[in-house]
PDB file of N, CA and C in Angstrom:
ATOM      1  N   MET A   1     -53.052   1.106 -12.579  1.00  0.00           N
ATOM      2  CA  MET A   1     -51.940   0.713 -13.401  1.00  0.00           C
ATOM      3  C   MET A   1     -51.377   1.959 -14.094  1.00  0.00           C
ATOM      4  N   ARG A   2     -50.094   2.089 -14.080  1.00  0.00           N
ATOM      5  CA  ARG A   2     -49.415   3.211 -14.684  1.00  0.00           C
ATOM      6  C   ARG A   2     -49.407   3.101 -16.208  1.00  0.00           C
ATOM      7  N   THR A   3     -49.435   4.268 -16.836  1.00  0.00           N
ATOM      8  CA  THR A   3     -49.335   4.282 -18.329  1.00  0.00           C
ATOM      9  C   THR A   3     -48.072   5.083 -18.705  1.00  0.00           C
ATOM     10  N   ALA A   4     -47.773   5.113 -19.951  1.00  0.00           N
ATOM     11  CA  ALA A   4     -46.559   5.779 -20.478  1.00  0.00           C
ATOM     12  C   ALA A   4     -46.729   7.291 -20.498  1.00  0.00           C
ATOM     13  N   ASP A   5     -47.901   7.843 -20.287  1.00  0.00           N
ATOM     14  CA  ASP A   5     -48.104   9.239 -20.298  1.00  0.00           C
ATOM     15  C   ASP A   5     -47.304   9.917 -19.244  1.00  0.00           C
ATOM     16  N   ASN A   6     -46.571  10.929 -19.638  1.00  0.00           N
ATOM     17  CA  ASN A   6     -45.789  11.809 -18.755  1.00  0.00           C
ATOM     18  C   ASN A   6     -44.725  11.100 -17.934  1.00  0.00           C
ATOM     19  N   VAL A   7     -44.127  10.043 -18.448  1.00  0.00           N
ATOM     20  CA  VAL A   7     -43.036   9.452 -17.784  1.00  0.00           C
ATOM     21  C   VAL A   7     -41.751  10.354 -17.927  1.00  0.00           C
ATOM     22  N   GLU A   8     -40.966  10.375 -16.863  1.00  0.00           N
ATOM     23  CA  GLU A   8     -39.782  11.148 -16.858  1.00  0.00           C
ATOM     24  C   GLU A   8     -38.568  10.178 -16.682  1.00  0.00           C
ATOM     25  N   ILE A   9     -37.722  10.155 -17.624  1.00  0.00           N
ATOM     26  CA  ILE A   9     -36.494   9.332 -17.566  1.00  0.00           C
ATOM     27  C   ILE A   9     -35.410  10.164 -16.854  1.00  0.00           C
ATOM     28  N   THR A  10     -34.915   9.604 -15.776  1.00  0.00           N
ATOM     29  CA  THR A  10     -33.916  10.345 -14.972  1.00  0.00           C
ATOM     30  C   THR A  10     -32.516   9.733 -15.085  1.00  0.00           C
ATOM     31  N   ASN A  11     -32.395   8.539 -15.510  1.00  0.00           N
ATOM     32  CA  ASN A  11     -31.065   7.893 -15.648  1.00  0.00           C
ATOM     33  C   ASN A  11     -31.187   6.637 -16.531  1.00  0.00           C
ATOM     34  N   VAL A  12     -30.062   6.268 -17.101  1.00  0.00           N
ATOM     35  CA  VAL A  12     -30.001   5.028 -17.929  1.00  0.00           C
ATOM     36  C   VAL A  12     -28.673   4.322 -17.667  1.00  0.00           C
ATOM     37  N   PHE A  13     -28.743   2.993 -17.670  1.00  0.00           N
ATOM     38  CA  PHE A  13     -27.558   2.190 -17.479  1.00  0.00           C
ATOM     39  C   PHE A  13     -27.549   1.179 -18.597  1.00  0.00           C
ATOM     40  N   PRO A  14     -26.616   1.314 -19.538  1.00  0.00           N
ATOM     41  CA  PRO A  14     -26.467   0.386 -20.644  1.00  0.00           C
ATOM     42  C   PRO A  14     -25.880  -0.924 -20.158  1.00  0.00           C
ATOM     43  N   VAL A  15     -26.493  -2.023 -20.509  1.00  0.00           N
ATOM     44  CA  VAL A  15     -25.999  -3.334 -20.134  1.00  0.00           C
ATOM     45  C   VAL A  15     -25.844  -4.156 -21.428  1.00  0.00           C
ATOM     46  N   LEU A  16     -24.643  -4.474 -21.767  1.00  0.00           N
ATOM     47  CA  LEU A  16     -24.377  -5.161 -23.056  1.00  0.00           C
ATOM     48  C   LEU A  16     -25.051  -6.548 -23.081  1.00  0.00           C
ATOM     49  N   PRO A  17     -25.385  -7.017 -24.232  1.00  0.00           N
ATOM     50  CA  PRO A  17     -25.167  -6.463 -25.564  1.00  0.00           C
ATOM     51  C   PRO A  17     -26.162  -5.430 -25.982  1.00  0.00           C
ATOM     52  N   SER A  18     -27.410  -5.500 -25.554  1.00  0.00           N
ATOM     53  CA  SER A  18     -28.447  -4.609 -26.057  1.00  0.00           C
ATOM     54  C   SER A  18     -29.508  -4.295 -25.087  1.00  0.00           C
ATOM     55  N   MET A  19     -29.176  -4.307 -23.800  1.00  0.00           N
ATOM     56  CA  MET A  19     -30.156  -4.030 -22.725  1.00  0.00           C
ATOM     57  C   MET A  19     -29.917  -2.697 -22.086  1.00  0.00           C
ATOM     58  N   LEU A  20     -31.013  -1.999 -21.704  1.00  0.00           N
ATOM     59  CA  LEU A  20     -30.869  -0.782 -21.005  1.00  0.00           C
ATOM     60  C   LEU A  20     -31.737  -0.918 -19.692  1.00  0.00           C
ATOM     61  N   ILE A  21     -31.124  -0.479 -18.585  1.00  0.00           N
ATOM     62  CA  ILE A  21     -31.902  -0.329 -17.365  1.00  0.00           C
ATOM     63  C   ILE A  21     -32.232   1.159 -17.298  1.00  0.00           C
ATOM     64  N   VAL A  22     -33.504   1.454 -17.310  1.00  0.00           N
ATOM     65  CA  VAL A  22     -33.923   2.873 -17.380  1.00  0.00           C
ATOM     66  C   VAL A  22     -34.594   3.207 -16.039  1.00  0.00           C
ATOM     67  N   GLU A  23     -34.160   4.322 -15.504  1.00  0.00           N
ATOM     68  CA  GLU A  23     -34.689   4.860 -14.228  1.00  0.00           C
ATOM     69  C   GLU A  23     -35.778   5.885 -14.593  1.00  0.00           C
ATOM     70  N   PHE A  24     -36.906   5.687 -14.118  1.00  0.00           N
ATOM     71  CA  PHE A  24     -38.079   6.606 -14.324  1.00  0.00           C
ATOM     72  C   PHE A  24     -38.382   7.346 -12.986  1.00  0.00           C
ATOM     73  N   ASP A  25     -38.685   8.620 -13.162  1.00  0.00           N
ATOM     74  CA  ASP A  25     -39.154   9.454 -12.034  1.00  0.00           C
ATOM     75  C   ASP A  25     -38.306   9.415 -10.806  1.00  0.00           C
ATOM     76  N   SER A  26     -36.992   9.699 -11.051  1.00  0.00           N
ATOM     77  CA  SER A  26     -35.979   9.814  -9.970  1.00  0.00           C
ATOM     78  C   SER A  26     -35.904   8.623  -9.032  1.00  0.00           C
ATOM     79  N   GLY A  27     -35.957   7.458  -9.648  1.00  0.00           N
ATOM     80  CA  GLY A  27     -35.773   6.246  -8.879  1.00  0.00           C
ATOM     81  C   GLY A  27     -37.064   5.594  -8.410  1.00  0.00           C
ATOM     82  N   ALA A  28     -38.215   6.184  -8.705  1.00  0.00           N
ATOM     83  CA  ALA A  28     -39.481   5.609  -8.303  1.00  0.00           C
ATOM     84  C   ALA A  28     -39.667   4.253  -9.032  1.00  0.00           C
ATOM     85  N   GLU A  29     -39.097   4.152 -10.209  1.00  0.00           N
ATOM     86  CA  GLU A  29     -39.338   2.845 -10.973  1.00  0.00           C
ATOM     87  C   GLU A  29     -38.119   2.595 -11.898  1.00  0.00           C
ATOM     88  N   TYR A  30     -37.676   1.390 -11.900  1.00  0.00           N
ATOM     89  CA  TYR A  30     -36.608   0.895 -12.770  1.00  0.00           C
ATOM     90  C   TYR A  30     -37.175  -0.145 -13.714  1.00  0.00           C
ATOM     91  N   ARG A  31     -36.860  -0.032 -14.981  1.00  0.00           N
ATOM     92  CA  ARG A  31     -37.429  -0.964 -15.953  1.00  0.00           C
ATOM     93  C   ARG A  31     -36.292  -1.398 -16.858  1.00  0.00           C
ATOM     94  N   VAL A  32     -36.417  -2.609 -17.495  1.00  0.00           N
ATOM     95  CA  VAL A  32     -35.372  -3.113 -18.404  1.00  0.00           C
ATOM     96  C   VAL A  32     -35.952  -3.235 -19.783  1.00  0.00           C
ATOM     97  N   ILE A  33     -35.220  -2.816 -20.737  1.00  0.00           N
ATOM     98  CA  ILE A  33     -35.620  -3.006 -22.157  1.00  0.00           C
ATOM     99  C   ILE A  33     -34.504  -3.613 -22.917  1.00  0.00           C
ATOM    100  N   ASP A  34     -34.834  -4.578 -23.809  1.00  0.00           N
ATOM    101  CA  ASP A  34     -33.989  -5.141 -24.684  1.00  0.00           C
ATOM    102  C   ASP A  34     -34.230  -4.448 -26.038  1.00  0.00           C
ATOM    103  N   ILE A  35     -33.282  -3.670 -26.511  1.00  0.00           N
ATOM    104  CA  ILE A  35     -33.464  -2.930 -27.771  1.00  0.00           C
ATOM    105  C   ILE A  35     -33.036  -3.686 -28.979  1.00  0.00           C
ATOM    106  N   SER A  36     -32.639  -4.990 -28.854  1.00  0.00           N
ATOM    107  CA  SER A  36     -32.199  -5.724 -30.006  1.00  0.00           C
ATOM    108  C   SER A  36     -33.199  -5.726 -31.172  1.00  0.00           C
ATOM    109  N   PRO A  37     -34.559  -5.717 -30.953  1.00  0.00           N
ATOM    110  CA  PRO A  37     -35.428  -5.633 -32.126  1.00  0.00           C
ATOM    111  C   PRO A  37     -35.247  -4.406 -32.982  1.00  0.00           C
ATOM    112  N   TYR A  38     -34.713  -3.288 -32.399  1.00  0.00           N
ATOM    113  CA  TYR A  38     -34.495  -2.063 -33.112  1.00  0.00           C
ATOM    114  C   TYR A  38     -33.268  -2.064 -33.952  1.00  0.00           C
ATOM    115  N   LEU A  39     -32.301  -2.919 -33.546  1.00  0.00           N
ATOM    116  CA  LEU A  39     -30.966  -2.819 -34.105  1.00  0.00           C
ATOM    117  C   LEU A  39     -30.863  -3.197 -35.620  1.00  0.00           C
ATOM    118  N   SER A  40     -31.869  -3.783 -36.176  1.00  0.00           N
ATOM    119  CA  SER A  40     -31.870  -4.036 -37.589  1.00  0.00           C
ATOM    120  C   SER A  40     -32.279  -2.809 -38.448  1.00  0.00           C
ATOM    121  N   MET A  41     -32.826  -1.807 -37.752  1.00  0.00           N
ATOM    122  CA  MET A  41     -33.156  -0.567 -38.482  1.00  0.00           C
ATOM    123  C   MET A  41     -31.947   0.263 -38.678  1.00  0.00           C
ATOM    124  N   PRO A  42     -31.808   0.809 -39.880  1.00  0.00           N
ATOM    125  CA  PRO A  42     -30.572   1.597 -40.194  1.00  0.00           C
ATOM    126  C   PRO A  42     -30.243   2.662 -39.223  1.00  0.00           C
ATOM    127  N   VAL A  43     -31.189   3.401 -38.718  1.00  0.00           N
ATOM    128  CA  VAL A  43     -30.904   4.495 -37.800  1.00  0.00           C
ATOM    129  C   VAL A  43     -30.279   3.999 -36.513  1.00  0.00           C
ATOM    130  N   PHE A  44     -30.566   2.794 -36.097  1.00  0.00           N
ATOM    131  CA  PHE A  44     -30.047   2.233 -34.873  1.00  0.00           C
ATOM    132  C   PHE A  44     -28.801   1.358 -35.064  1.00  0.00           C
ATOM    133  N   SER A  45     -28.327   1.137 -36.291  1.00  0.00           N
ATOM    134  CA  SER A  45     -27.242   0.219 -36.534  1.00  0.00           C
ATOM    135  C   SER A  45     -25.905   0.621 -35.787  1.00  0.00           C
ATOM    136  N   PRO A  46     -25.636   1.917 -35.494  1.00  0.00           N
ATOM    137  CA  PRO A  46     -24.465   2.174 -34.751  1.00  0.00           C
ATOM    138  C   PRO A  46     -24.490   1.567 -33.314  1.00  0.00           C
ATOM    139  N   LEU A  47     -25.665   1.268 -32.830  1.00  0.00           N
ATOM    140  CA  LEU A  47     -25.740   0.737 -31.468  1.00  0.00           C
ATOM    141  C   LEU A  47     -25.301  -0.691 -31.406  1.00  0.00           C
ATOM    142  N   ASN A  48     -25.033  -1.323 -32.511  1.00  0.00           N
ATOM    143  CA  ASN A  48     -24.478  -2.694 -32.541  1.00  0.00           C
ATOM    144  C   ASN A  48     -22.996  -2.681 -32.035  1.00  0.00           C
ATOM    145  N   GLU A  49     -22.332  -1.536 -32.098  1.00  0.00           N
ATOM    146  CA  GLU A  49     -20.960  -1.368 -31.642  1.00  0.00           C
ATOM    147  C   GLU A  49     -20.993  -1.148 -30.123  1.00  0.00           C
ATOM    148  N   PRO A  50     -20.408  -2.110 -29.340  1.00  0.00           N
ATOM    149  CA  PRO A  50     -20.451  -1.982 -27.875  1.00  0.00           C
ATOM    150  C   PRO A  50     -20.027  -0.613 -27.287  1.00  0.00           C
ATOM    151  N   ASP A  51     -18.916  -0.108 -27.760  1.00  0.00           N
ATOM    152  CA  ASP A  51     -18.443   1.161 -27.230  1.00  0.00           C
ATOM    153  C   ASP A  51     -19.429   2.319 -27.547  1.00  0.00           C
ATOM    154  N   PHE A  52     -20.050   2.265 -28.683  1.00  0.00           N
ATOM    155  CA  PHE A  52     -21.084   3.263 -29.023  1.00  0.00           C
ATOM    156  C   PHE A  52     -22.348   3.091 -28.123  1.00  0.00           C
ATOM    157  N   PHE A  53     -22.736   1.843 -27.975  1.00  0.00           N
ATOM    158  CA  PHE A  53     -23.952   1.532 -27.230  1.00  0.00           C
ATOM    159  C   PHE A  53     -23.772   2.087 -25.766  1.00  0.00           C
ATOM    160  N   ARG A  54     -22.578   1.946 -25.218  1.00  0.00           N
ATOM    161  CA  ARG A  54     -22.342   2.374 -23.828  1.00  0.00           C
ATOM    162  C   ARG A  54     -22.361   3.872 -23.658  1.00  0.00           C
ATOM    163  N   GLN A  55     -22.432   4.621 -24.744  1.00  0.00           N
ATOM    164  CA  GLN A  55     -22.556   6.063 -24.667  1.00  0.00           C
ATOM    165  C   GLN A  55     -23.940   6.559 -24.389  1.00  0.00           C
ATOM    166  N   ALA A  56     -24.866   5.668 -24.119  1.00  0.00           N
ATOM    167  CA  ALA A  56     -26.287   6.050 -23.787  1.00  0.00           C
ATOM    168  C   ALA A  56     -26.280   7.035 -22.606  1.00  0.00           C
ATOM    169  N   LYS A  57     -27.078   8.027 -22.765  1.00  0.00           N
ATOM    170  CA  LYS A  57     -27.273   8.993 -21.613  1.00  0.00           C
ATOM    171  C   LYS A  57     -28.656   9.627 -21.750  1.00  0.00           C
ATOM    172  N   VAL A  58     -29.056  10.285 -20.676  1.00  0.00           N
ATOM    173  CA  VAL A  58     -30.340  10.946 -20.699  1.00  0.00           C
ATOM    174  C   VAL A  58     -30.174  12.383 -21.094  1.00  0.00           C
ATOM    175  N   ASP A  59     -30.946  12.834 -22.040  1.00  0.00           N
ATOM    176  CA  ASP A  59     -30.977  14.281 -22.366  1.00  0.00           C
ATOM    177  C   ASP A  59     -32.192  14.902 -21.635  1.00  0.00           C
ATOM    178  N   PRO A  60     -31.917  15.701 -20.625  1.00  0.00           N
ATOM    179  CA  PRO A  60     -33.008  16.249 -19.828  1.00  0.00           C
ATOM    180  C   PRO A  60     -33.942  17.181 -20.645  1.00  0.00           C
ATOM    181  N   GLU A  61     -33.380  17.786 -21.693  1.00  0.00           N
ATOM    182  CA  GLU A  61     -34.215  18.720 -22.527  1.00  0.00           C
ATOM    183  C   GLU A  61     -35.281  17.946 -23.317  1.00  0.00           C
ATOM    184  N   VAL A  62     -34.976  16.782 -23.822  1.00  0.00           N
ATOM    185  CA  VAL A  62     -35.947  16.009 -24.586  1.00  0.00           C
ATOM    186  C   VAL A  62     -36.569  14.873 -23.754  1.00  0.00           C
ATOM    187  N   GLY A  63     -35.978  14.600 -22.561  1.00  0.00           N
ATOM    188  CA  GLY A  63     -36.527  13.636 -21.657  1.00  0.00           C
ATOM    189  C   GLY A  63     -36.486  12.240 -22.081  1.00  0.00           C
ATOM    190  N   THR A  64     -35.438  11.817 -22.832  1.00  0.00           N
ATOM    191  CA  THR A  64     -35.300  10.453 -23.250  1.00  0.00           C
ATOM    192  C   THR A  64     -33.824  10.065 -23.318  1.00  0.00           C
ATOM    193  N   VAL A  65     -33.640   8.784 -23.626  1.00  0.00           N
ATOM    194  CA  VAL A  65     -32.239   8.233 -23.758  1.00  0.00           C
ATOM    195  C   VAL A  65     -31.730   8.596 -25.222  1.00  0.00           C
ATOM    196  N   ILE A  66     -30.576   9.141 -25.244  1.00  0.00           N
ATOM    197  CA  ILE A  66     -29.954   9.498 -26.462  1.00  0.00           C
ATOM    198  C   ILE A  66     -28.517   8.906 -26.670  1.00  0.00           C
ATOM    199  N   TRP A  67     -28.049   8.892 -27.892  1.00  0.00           N
ATOM    200  CA  TRP A  67     -26.690   8.530 -28.249  1.00  0.00           C
ATOM    201  C   TRP A  67     -26.198   9.581 -29.260  1.00  0.00           C
ATOM    202  N   PRO A  68     -24.879   9.685 -29.406  1.00  0.00           N
ATOM    203  CA  PRO A  68     -24.337  10.540 -30.409  1.00  0.00           C
ATOM    204  C   PRO A  68     -24.956  10.400 -31.786  1.00  0.00           C
ATOM    205  N   GLY A  69     -25.027  11.438 -32.577  1.00  0.00           N
ATOM    206  CA  GLY A  69     -25.552  11.298 -33.928  1.00  0.00           C
ATOM    207  C   GLY A  69     -27.114  11.420 -33.995  1.00  0.00           C
ATOM    208  N   ASP A  70     -27.648  12.039 -33.015  1.00  0.00           N
ATOM    209  CA  ASP A  70     -29.107  12.241 -32.937  1.00  0.00           C
ATOM    210  C   ASP A  70     -29.926  10.912 -32.949  1.00  0.00           C
ATOM    211  N   ILE A  71     -29.358   9.938 -32.264  1.00  0.00           N
ATOM    212  CA  ILE A  71     -30.079   8.686 -32.109  1.00  0.00           C
ATOM    213  C   ILE A  71     -30.813   8.728 -30.776  1.00  0.00           C
ATOM    214  N   ASP A  72     -32.082   8.447 -30.764  1.00  0.00           N
ATOM    215  CA  ASP A  72     -32.887   8.380 -29.534  1.00  0.00           C
ATOM    216  C   ASP A  72     -34.064   7.454 -29.681  1.00  0.00           C
ATOM    217  N   ILE A  73     -34.618   7.082 -28.594  1.00  0.00           N
ATOM    218  CA  ILE A  73     -35.864   6.297 -28.568  1.00  0.00           C
ATOM    219  C   ILE A  73     -36.842   7.028 -27.632  1.00  0.00           C
ATOM    220  N   ALA A  74     -38.115   7.152 -28.092  1.00  0.00           N
ATOM    221  CA  ALA A  74     -39.081   7.894 -27.418  1.00  0.00           C
ATOM    222  C   ALA A  74     -39.270   7.342 -25.955  1.00  0.00           C
ATOM    223  N   PRO A  75     -39.460   8.233 -25.007  1.00  0.00           N
ATOM    224  CA  PRO A  75     -39.634   7.748 -23.621  1.00  0.00           C
ATOM    225  C   PRO A  75     -40.825   6.823 -23.464  1.00  0.00           C
ATOM    226  N   GLU A  76     -41.881   7.105 -24.223  1.00  0.00           N
ATOM    227  CA  GLU A  76     -43.063   6.212 -24.137  1.00  0.00           C
ATOM    228  C   GLU A  76     -42.783   4.846 -24.608  1.00  0.00           C
ATOM    229  N   THR A  77     -41.978   4.710 -25.705  1.00  0.00           N
ATOM    230  CA  THR A  77     -41.547   3.450 -26.204  1.00  0.00           C
ATOM    231  C   THR A  77     -40.709   2.683 -25.213  1.00  0.00           C
ATOM    232  N   LEU A  78     -39.763   3.423 -24.548  1.00  0.00           N
ATOM    233  CA  LEU A  78     -38.900   2.827 -23.613  1.00  0.00           C
ATOM    234  C   LEU A  78     -39.739   2.305 -22.441  1.00  0.00           C
ATOM    235  N   TYR A  79     -40.771   2.945 -22.067  1.00  0.00           N
ATOM    236  CA  TYR A  79     -41.655   2.481 -20.944  1.00  0.00           C
ATOM    237  C   TYR A  79     -42.458   1.280 -21.375  1.00  0.00           C
ATOM    238  N   LEU A  80     -43.195   1.419 -22.519  1.00  0.00           N
ATOM    239  CA  LEU A  80     -44.131   0.437 -22.950  1.00  0.00           C
ATOM    240  C   LEU A  80     -43.469  -0.899 -23.358  1.00  0.00           C
ATOM    241  N   ASP A  81     -42.262  -0.818 -23.890  1.00  0.00           N
ATOM    242  CA  ASP A  81     -41.537  -2.002 -24.385  1.00  0.00           C
ATOM    243  C   ASP A  81     -40.629  -2.604 -23.356  1.00  0.00           C
ATOM    244  N   SER A  82     -40.697  -2.114 -22.121  1.00  0.00           N
ATOM    245  CA  SER A  82     -39.801  -2.574 -21.056  1.00  0.00           C
ATOM    246  C   SER A  82     -40.582  -3.351 -20.000  1.00  0.00           C
ATOM    247  N   VAL A  83     -39.850  -3.975 -19.103  1.00  0.00           N
ATOM    248  CA  VAL A  83     -40.463  -4.713 -18.022  1.00  0.00           C
ATOM    249  C   VAL A  83     -39.891  -4.174 -16.700  1.00  0.00           C
ATOM    250  N   PRO A  84     -40.619  -4.216 -15.640  1.00  0.00           N
ATOM    251  CA  PRO A  84     -40.050  -3.842 -14.342  1.00  0.00           C
ATOM    252  C   PRO A  84     -38.814  -4.602 -14.006  1.00  0.00           C
ATOM    253  N   LEU A  85     -37.797  -3.960 -13.465  1.00  0.00           N
ATOM    254  CA  LEU A  85     -36.504  -4.562 -13.147  1.00  0.00           C
ATOM    255  C   LEU A  85     -36.736  -5.840 -12.248  1.00  0.00           C
ATOM    256  N   GLY A  86     -37.621  -5.731 -11.321  1.00  0.00           N
ATOM    257  CA  GLY A  86     -37.917  -6.862 -10.375  1.00  0.00           C
ATOM    258  C   GLY A  86     -38.357  -8.072 -11.215  1.00  0.00           C
ATOM    259  N   ASP A  87     -39.267  -7.906 -12.159  1.00  0.00           N
ATOM    260  CA  ASP A  87     -39.755  -8.973 -12.982  1.00  0.00           C
ATOM    261  C   ASP A  87     -38.591  -9.593 -13.809  1.00  0.00           C
ATOM    262  N   PHE A  88     -37.773  -8.738 -14.351  1.00  0.00           N
ATOM    263  CA  PHE A  88     -36.662  -9.187 -15.200  1.00  0.00           C
ATOM    264  C   PHE A  88     -35.669  -9.996 -14.410  1.00  0.00           C
ATOM    265  N   THR A  89     -35.276  -9.507 -13.202  1.00  0.00           N
ATOM    266  CA  THR A  89     -34.291 -10.178 -12.405  1.00  0.00           C
ATOM    267  C   THR A  89     -34.801 -11.539 -11.875  1.00  0.00           C
ATOM    268  N   GLN A  90     -36.086 -11.581 -11.597  1.00  0.00           N
ATOM    269  CA  GLN A  90     -36.626 -12.834 -11.122  1.00  0.00           C
ATOM    270  C   GLN A  90     -36.565 -13.898 -12.237  1.00  0.00           C
ATOM    271  N   ARG A  91     -36.720 -13.462 -13.449  1.00  0.00           N
ATOM    272  CA  ARG A  91     -36.685 -14.435 -14.615  1.00  0.00           C
ATOM    273  C   ARG A  91     -35.246 -14.892 -14.832  1.00  0.00           C
ATOM    274  N   VAL A  92     -34.264 -14.116 -14.557  1.00  0.00           N
ATOM    275  CA  VAL A  92     -32.870 -14.505 -14.814  1.00  0.00           C
ATOM    276  C   VAL A  92     -32.145 -14.897 -13.561  1.00  0.00           C
ATOM    277  N   GLY A  93     -32.888 -14.993 -12.417  1.00  0.00           N
ATOM    278  CA  GLY A  93     -32.222 -15.431 -11.213  1.00  0.00           C
ATOM    279  C   GLY A  93     -31.402 -14.390 -10.495  1.00  0.00           C
ATOM    280  N   GLY A  94     -31.729 -13.148 -10.789  1.00  0.00           N
ATOM    281  CA  GLY A  94     -30.969 -12.054 -10.111  1.00  0.00           C
ATOM    282  C   GLY A  94     -31.592 -11.631  -8.824  1.00  0.00           C
ATOM    283  N   VAL A  95     -31.304 -10.418  -8.384  1.00  0.00           N
ATOM    284  CA  VAL A  95     -31.847  -9.862  -7.171  1.00  0.00           C
ATOM    285  C   VAL A  95     -33.010  -8.932  -7.518  1.00  0.00           C
ATOM    286  N   ASN A  96     -33.821  -8.617  -6.497  1.00  0.00           N
ATOM    287  CA  ASN A  96     -34.957  -7.771  -6.802  1.00  0.00           C
ATOM    288  C   ASN A  96     -34.553  -6.278  -6.854  1.00  0.00           C
ATOM    289  N   ARG A  97     -35.442  -5.500  -7.425  1.00  0.00           N
ATOM    290  CA  ARG A  97     -35.071  -4.074  -7.660  1.00  0.00           C
ATOM    291  C   ARG A  97     -34.832  -3.256  -6.477  1.00  0.00           C
ATOM    292  N   LYS A  98     -35.330  -3.658  -5.296  1.00  0.00           N
ATOM    293  CA  LYS A  98     -34.993  -2.881  -4.085  1.00  0.00           C
ATOM    294  C   LYS A  98     -33.578  -2.818  -3.806  1.00  0.00           C
ATOM    295  N   GLU A  99     -32.779  -3.843  -4.268  1.00  0.00           N
ATOM    296  CA  GLU A  99     -31.377  -3.860  -4.076  1.00  0.00           C
ATOM    297  C   GLU A  99     -30.597  -2.935  -4.899  1.00  0.00           C
ATOM    298  N   VAL A 100     -31.251  -2.366  -5.955  1.00  0.00           N
ATOM    299  CA  VAL A 100     -30.573  -1.393  -6.798  1.00  0.00           C
ATOM    300  C   VAL A 100     -31.132  -0.003  -6.666  1.00  0.00           C
ATOM    301  N   ALA A 101     -32.141   0.121  -5.908  1.00  0.00           N
ATOM    302  CA  ALA A 101     -32.777   1.450  -5.695  1.00  0.00           C
ATOM    303  C   ALA A 101     -31.960   2.319  -4.723  1.00  0.00           C
ATOM    304  N   GLY A 102     -32.047   3.574  -4.852  1.00  0.00           N
ATOM    305  CA  GLY A 102     -31.402   4.495  -3.932  1.00  0.00           C
ATOM    306  C   GLY A 102     -30.188   5.077  -4.566  1.00  0.00           C
ATOM    307  N   LYS A 103     -29.335   5.696  -3.768  1.00  0.00           N
ATOM    308  CA  LYS A 103     -28.160   6.371  -4.215  1.00  0.00           C
ATOM    309  C   LYS A 103     -27.115   5.368  -4.718  1.00  0.00           C
ATOM    310  N   ASN A 104     -26.193   5.774  -5.493  1.00  0.00           N
ATOM    311  CA  ASN A 104     -25.118   4.930  -6.023  1.00  0.00           C
ATOM    312  C   ASN A 104     -25.718   3.759  -6.839  1.00  0.00           C
ATOM    313  N   THR A 105     -26.800   4.078  -7.558  1.00  0.00           N
ATOM    314  CA  THR A 105     -27.459   2.989  -8.354  1.00  0.00           C
ATOM    315  C   THR A 105     -26.520   2.445  -9.384  1.00  0.00           C
ATOM    316  N   ARG A 106     -25.706   3.252 -10.074  1.00  0.00           N
ATOM    317  CA  ARG A 106     -24.831   2.750 -11.093  1.00  0.00           C
ATOM    318  C   ARG A 106     -23.889   1.709 -10.491  1.00  0.00           C
ATOM    319  N   GLU A 107     -23.299   1.960  -9.326  1.00  0.00           N
ATOM    320  CA  GLU A 107     -22.401   0.990  -8.697  1.00  0.00           C
ATOM    321  C   GLU A 107     -23.141  -0.295  -8.343  1.00  0.00           C
ATOM    322  N   LYS A 108     -24.297  -0.152  -7.737  1.00  0.00           N
ATOM    323  CA  LYS A 108     -25.072  -1.287  -7.316  1.00  0.00           C
ATOM    324  C   LYS A 108     -25.481  -2.107  -8.539  1.00  0.00           C
ATOM    325  N   THR A 109     -25.955  -1.450  -9.618  1.00  0.00           N
ATOM    326  CA  THR A 109     -26.393  -2.154 -10.795  1.00  0.00           C
ATOM    327  C   THR A 109     -25.234  -2.892 -11.394  1.00  0.00           C
ATOM    328  N   ALA A 110     -24.008  -2.273 -11.464  1.00  0.00           N
ATOM    329  CA  ALA A 110     -22.852  -2.928 -11.995  1.00  0.00           C
ATOM    330  C   ALA A 110     -22.517  -4.206 -11.286  1.00  0.00           C
ATOM    331  N   LYS A 111     -22.704  -4.231  -9.934  1.00  0.00           N
ATOM    332  CA  LYS A 111     -22.468  -5.431  -9.151  1.00  0.00           C
ATOM    333  C   LYS A 111     -23.431  -6.540  -9.438  1.00  0.00           C
ATOM    334  N   ILE A 112     -24.687  -6.143  -9.758  1.00  0.00           N
ATOM    335  CA  ILE A 112     -25.711  -7.115 -10.025  1.00  0.00           C
ATOM    336  C   ILE A 112     -25.608  -7.776 -11.347  1.00  0.00           C
ATOM    337  N   ILE A 113     -25.351  -7.007 -12.353  1.00  0.00           N
ATOM    338  CA  ILE A 113     -25.336  -7.451 -13.744  1.00  0.00           C
ATOM    339  C   ILE A 113     -24.056  -8.164 -14.087  1.00  0.00           C
TER     340      ILE A 113
END
């Protein structure tokens, strides 16, 4: 079983209102996290604004998801508090993660969500 040690975040796809699809290890694993539990904390309050939330990106220097204003969430937290994309889509009647893996993931994910 994989742990959060040494995870590498390679891409992120914000899905409103408070979900992120996070790509780990260059597409080796996709996971979904609902960050709504964090949004009551003052540091994360700007993420309640949809346009701001959509500005999520990966900072390769720090290896995690960031937003403007020095807002970030530790990669270990993103891994441990998330579920595999396949598990998530099965619960909501979506498609499995194989359908979003590979090149053009952003386009494929947009079609799914």
